[in-house]
Protein backbone atom coordinates (compact mmCIF):
# COMPACT_ATOMS: atom_id res chain seq x y z
CA MET A 1 -27.73 54.62 -34.34
CA LYS A 2 -24.81 52.25 -33.95
CA LEU A 3 -24.47 49.99 -30.93
CA GLN A 4 -20.94 49.72 -29.61
CA PHE A 5 -19.70 46.83 -27.46
CA LYS A 6 -16.62 47.06 -25.28
CA LEU A 7 -14.76 43.93 -24.25
CA ARG A 8 -13.53 43.90 -20.70
CA PRO A 9 -9.94 42.64 -20.30
CA GLY A 10 -11.05 40.00 -17.79
CA LEU A 11 -13.24 38.35 -20.39
CA LEU A 12 -10.16 37.42 -22.40
CA VAL A 13 -8.86 35.18 -19.62
CA LEU A 14 -11.14 32.20 -20.21
CA PRO A 15 -10.50 31.88 -23.97
CA LEU A 16 -6.76 32.26 -23.39
CA LEU A 17 -6.84 29.69 -20.59
CA PHE A 18 -8.79 27.26 -22.79
CA CYS A 19 -6.26 27.70 -25.60
CA SER A 20 -3.38 27.16 -23.16
CA LEU A 21 -4.92 23.94 -21.84
CA GLN A 22 -5.45 22.70 -25.37
CA SER A 23 -1.85 23.45 -26.25
CA PHE A 24 -0.63 21.71 -23.08
CA ALA A 25 -2.79 18.66 -23.80
CA GLN A 26 -1.22 18.41 -27.24
CA PHE A 27 2.33 18.59 -25.85
CA PRO A 28 4.35 15.48 -26.87
CA GLY A 29 4.05 12.70 -24.30
CA MET A 30 0.96 14.07 -22.53
CA ALA A 31 -1.25 11.35 -24.02
CA ALA A 32 1.02 8.69 -22.53
CA VAL A 33 1.04 10.41 -19.14
CA ARG A 34 -2.78 10.68 -19.12
CA ALA A 35 -3.10 7.04 -20.15
CA GLN A 36 -0.83 5.99 -17.28
CA GLN A 37 -2.74 8.15 -14.77
CA ASN A 38 -6.08 6.75 -15.95
CA GLN A 39 -4.77 3.18 -15.70
CA GLN A 40 -3.41 3.85 -12.21
CA PHE A 41 -6.76 5.30 -11.10
CA MET A 42 -8.68 2.34 -12.55
CA ASN A 43 -6.38 -0.18 -10.84
CA GLN A 44 -6.71 1.59 -7.50
CA GLN A 45 -10.51 1.69 -7.83
CA MET A 46 -10.56 -2.02 -8.71
CA GLN A 47 -8.41 -2.88 -5.68
CA MET A 48 -10.68 -0.85 -3.41
CA GLN A 49 -13.80 -2.52 -4.80
CA MET A 50 -12.28 -6.00 -4.43
CA GLN A 51 -11.26 -5.24 -0.84
CA MET A 52 -14.76 -3.95 -0.03
CA MET A 53 -16.33 -7.04 -1.57
CA MET A 54 -14.04 -9.33 0.44
CA ASN A 55 -14.68 -7.45 3.69
CA GLY A 56 -18.43 -7.60 3.14
CA ASN A 57 -18.41 -11.30 2.17
CA TRP A 58 -15.79 -12.78 4.46
CA ARG A 59 -17.92 -15.90 5.06
CA ALA A 60 -17.89 -16.63 1.32
CA ASN A 61 -14.09 -16.29 1.31
CA ALA A 62 -13.54 -18.28 4.52
CA GLY A 63 -10.63 -20.71 4.26
CA LYS A 64 -9.06 -18.86 1.32
CA GLY A 65 -5.98 -16.65 1.21
CA SER A 66 -2.48 -16.87 2.66
CA THR A 67 -1.32 -19.37 5.28
CA TYR A 68 -0.48 -17.81 8.65
CA GLN A 69 0.80 -19.34 11.85
CA VAL A 70 -0.79 -17.43 14.71
CA THR A 71 0.80 -17.40 18.16
CA PHE A 72 -1.67 -16.21 20.79
CA LYS A 73 -0.92 -14.47 24.08
CA ASP A 74 -1.41 -17.75 25.98
CA SER A 75 1.34 -19.26 23.71
CA SER A 76 -1.13 -21.51 21.88
CA VAL A 77 -0.63 -21.76 18.12
CA LYS A 78 -3.09 -22.07 15.22
CA GLN A 79 -2.54 -22.37 11.50
CA VAL A 80 -4.96 -20.07 9.69
CA VAL A 81 -5.68 -19.76 5.97
CA SER A 82 -7.18 -16.34 5.48
CA PHE A 83 -7.12 -13.04 3.67
CA MET A 84 -6.26 -9.97 5.72
CA TYR A 85 -9.67 -8.41 6.33
CA ILE A 86 -10.71 -5.02 7.71
CA ASP A 87 -13.41 -4.76 10.36
CA THR A 88 -15.16 -1.60 9.15
CA THR A 89 -16.93 -1.13 12.50
CA LEU A 90 -13.90 -1.50 14.79
CA HIS A 91 -11.42 -0.24 12.16
CA LYS A 92 -9.13 -3.19 12.84
CA ASN A 93 -7.50 -5.83 10.68
CA PHE A 94 -8.43 -9.45 11.38
CA LEU A 95 -7.75 -12.99 10.17
CA LEU A 96 -10.57 -15.51 9.91
CA PHE A 97 -10.13 -19.00 11.38
CA VAL A 98 -12.60 -21.67 10.24
CA ASP A 99 -13.22 -24.29 12.93
CA LYS A 100 -14.64 -27.20 10.93
CA LYS A 101 -15.73 -29.02 14.08
CA TYR A 102 -18.81 -26.82 13.94
CA PRO A 103 -21.41 -26.87 11.13
CA LYS A 104 -21.93 -23.87 8.86
CA SER A 105 -25.24 -23.27 10.59
CA ASP A 106 -23.33 -22.54 13.82
CA SER A 107 -21.58 -19.46 12.46
CA ALA A 108 -20.83 -18.05 15.93
CA HIS A 109 -18.42 -20.93 16.67
CA ARG A 110 -17.34 -21.97 13.17
CA TYR A 111 -16.04 -18.53 12.10
CA GLN A 112 -13.60 -16.97 14.55
CA LYS A 113 -12.15 -13.51 13.97
CA ILE A 114 -8.59 -13.08 15.20
CA TYR A 115 -7.44 -9.54 16.01
CA SER A 116 -3.88 -8.36 16.55
CA ASP A 117 -4.37 -7.57 20.26
CA GLN A 118 -5.13 -11.28 20.89
CA THR A 119 -1.72 -12.38 19.61
CA LEU A 120 2.00 -12.25 20.35
CA TYR A 121 2.80 -12.37 16.64
CA ILE A 122 1.88 -14.06 13.37
CA SER A 123 4.09 -15.44 10.62
CA ALA A 124 3.55 -16.18 6.94
CA VAL A 125 5.70 -18.03 4.41
CA VAL A 126 6.68 -15.76 1.53
CA ASN A 127 8.70 -16.09 -1.69
CA GLY A 128 7.25 -19.51 -2.49
CA SER A 129 9.75 -22.37 -2.30
CA SER A 130 12.45 -20.31 -0.58
CA GLY A 131 10.61 -20.85 2.70
CA GLN A 132 11.42 -17.38 4.03
CA GLU A 133 9.09 -16.37 6.86
CA SER A 134 7.75 -12.87 7.41
CA TYR A 135 6.71 -11.99 10.95
CA GLY A 136 3.92 -9.61 11.89
CA VAL A 137 3.87 -8.06 15.36
CA PRO A 138 0.79 -6.43 16.92
CA LYS A 139 0.58 -2.67 16.54
CA ASP A 140 -2.57 -0.75 17.46
CA SER A 141 -5.25 -2.07 15.09
CA CYS A 142 -3.12 -4.30 12.85
CA TRP A 143 -0.05 -6.50 12.53
CA MET A 144 3.14 -4.81 11.38
CA PHE A 145 5.32 -6.66 8.84
CA LYS A 146 8.82 -5.58 7.88
CA VAL A 147 8.36 -5.86 4.13
CA ILE A 148 11.65 -4.21 3.10
CA ASP A 149 14.77 -4.85 5.16
CA GLY A 150 17.96 -2.83 4.97
CA PRO A 151 19.33 0.53 6.16
CA LEU A 152 15.94 2.03 5.26
CA ALA A 153 13.23 -0.41 6.38
CA VAL A 154 9.55 -0.33 5.46
CA TYR A 155 6.70 -1.77 7.55
CA ALA A 156 3.23 -2.65 6.23
CA LYS A 157 -0.14 -3.93 7.46
CA SER A 158 0.04 -6.94 5.16
CA LEU A 159 2.27 -8.57 2.57
CA ASN A 160 0.15 -7.03 -0.19
CA TYR A 161 1.78 -3.63 0.16
CA LEU A 162 2.53 -2.84 -3.50
CA THR A 163 0.29 -1.61 -6.26
CA GLU A 164 1.17 -2.37 -9.87
CA THR A 165 0.11 -0.39 -12.91
CA ASP A 166 0.11 -2.38 -16.11
CA GLY A 167 0.10 0.81 -18.13
CA LEU A 168 2.62 2.18 -20.57
CA LEU A 169 5.30 2.74 -17.95
CA ASN A 170 4.70 -0.40 -15.78
CA VAL A 171 4.89 1.45 -12.48
CA THR A 172 5.25 -0.44 -9.20
CA ASP A 173 4.91 1.58 -6.02
CA PHE A 174 3.69 1.46 -2.43
CA GLU A 175 0.00 1.21 -1.65
CA PRO A 176 -0.11 4.18 0.78
CA LYS A 177 -2.92 2.77 2.94
CA ALA A 178 -0.94 -0.45 3.50
CA ILE A 179 2.27 1.18 4.78
CA VAL A 180 2.54 1.52 8.57
CA GLY A 181 5.91 3.25 8.85
CA ILE A 182 9.54 3.66 7.77
CA GLN A 183 12.74 3.34 9.79
CA LEU A 184 16.32 4.49 9.20
CA ASN A 185 18.86 2.06 10.69
CA ASP A 186 18.03 1.63 14.40
CA GLY A 187 16.07 4.86 14.68
CA PRO A 188 12.38 5.16 15.56
CA ILE A 189 9.67 3.91 13.22
CA GLU A 190 8.18 7.07 11.74
CA LYS A 191 5.05 7.84 9.77
CA TYR A 192 5.27 7.08 6.07
CA ASN A 193 5.10 10.30 4.07
CA LYS A 194 7.14 12.28 1.57
CA GLU A 195 8.67 14.60 4.18
CA ASN A 196 10.00 11.77 6.37
CA LEU A 197 11.27 9.87 3.34
CA ILE A 198 13.20 12.94 2.13
CA LYS A 199 14.68 13.37 5.60
CA MET A 200 15.82 9.74 5.76
CA VAL A 201 17.45 9.51 2.32
CA GLY A 202 19.47 12.65 3.08
CA GLN A 203 21.98 13.47 0.35
CA ASP A 204 21.39 10.35 -1.73
CA PHE A 205 20.66 12.06 -5.06
CA ASP A 206 19.32 8.93 -6.79
CA SER A 207 16.70 8.54 -4.08
CA GLN A 208 15.91 12.26 -4.04
CA ASP A 209 15.27 12.18 -7.79
CA ALA A 210 12.94 9.17 -7.44
CA ILE A 211 11.00 10.89 -4.63
CA GLU A 212 10.51 14.04 -6.69
CA LYS A 213 9.07 11.86 -9.46
CA GLY A 214 6.66 10.26 -6.98
CA LYS A 215 8.41 6.86 -7.10
CA TYR A 216 8.78 6.13 -3.39
CA TYR A 217 9.31 2.38 -3.70
CA LYS A 218 12.15 3.00 -6.17
CA ALA A 219 13.58 5.63 -3.81
CA VAL A 220 13.80 3.14 -0.93
CA LYS A 221 15.35 0.46 -3.15
CA LYS A 222 17.89 2.96 -4.54
CA TYR A 223 18.84 4.18 -1.07
CA ASN A 224 19.39 0.67 0.29
CA HIS A 225 21.41 -0.36 -2.77
CA ASN A 226 23.63 2.72 -2.58
CA ALA A 227 24.06 2.45 1.22
CA GLU A 228 25.04 -1.24 1.06
CA LYS A 229 27.40 -0.53 -1.85
CA ALA A 230 29.09 2.28 0.10
CA ALA A 231 29.44 0.07 3.20
CA LYS A 232 31.47 -2.48 1.20
CA LYS A 233 34.08 0.06 0.14
């Protein structure tokens, strides 16, 4: 007596799918793309871990970071050297002022957290020796910095708003969590996302192409360059 086995058509799907994935993985250039994606992921994870370590150990990092001039609501001014921290309980950004009049044992008075709603604005010197100041104005739970000026402006929570991938393609792009909003000319500041960016660049094909490739920072730079070039004609 012979046993007969019948293959169901559905059972052919998995082997075919596996073969297709193998073929796709071997497609020229896929190794480079995967290497770039892996590097991007690793860099993002490293940034997140560093930020978490800083937030959890802000006393150890007290007195380190960028130099800010803080103007409070009562018009008093303080110079503060601090990283931009995140209060994970209140979900607010804060700067840390170290008042050296008090000993380290008196942590309640020595370490003073400064939140955006206590201030009129803050300013930080950027671009090294050029002396250009960047101003941050209070917005909800953070300060809002205009990090890219031009017809299409970009606002961020801090001056560390870019993420760099030192992979094969050396990609520089926005750190999504750092961007507060985008603004076209004198219009309203809108939420930063792909849909709003597409709407703002309009018929600028260079910018559209960059957006479709996921290169939003390049798209903004291209739009501003093309808009300023057109305005000079």
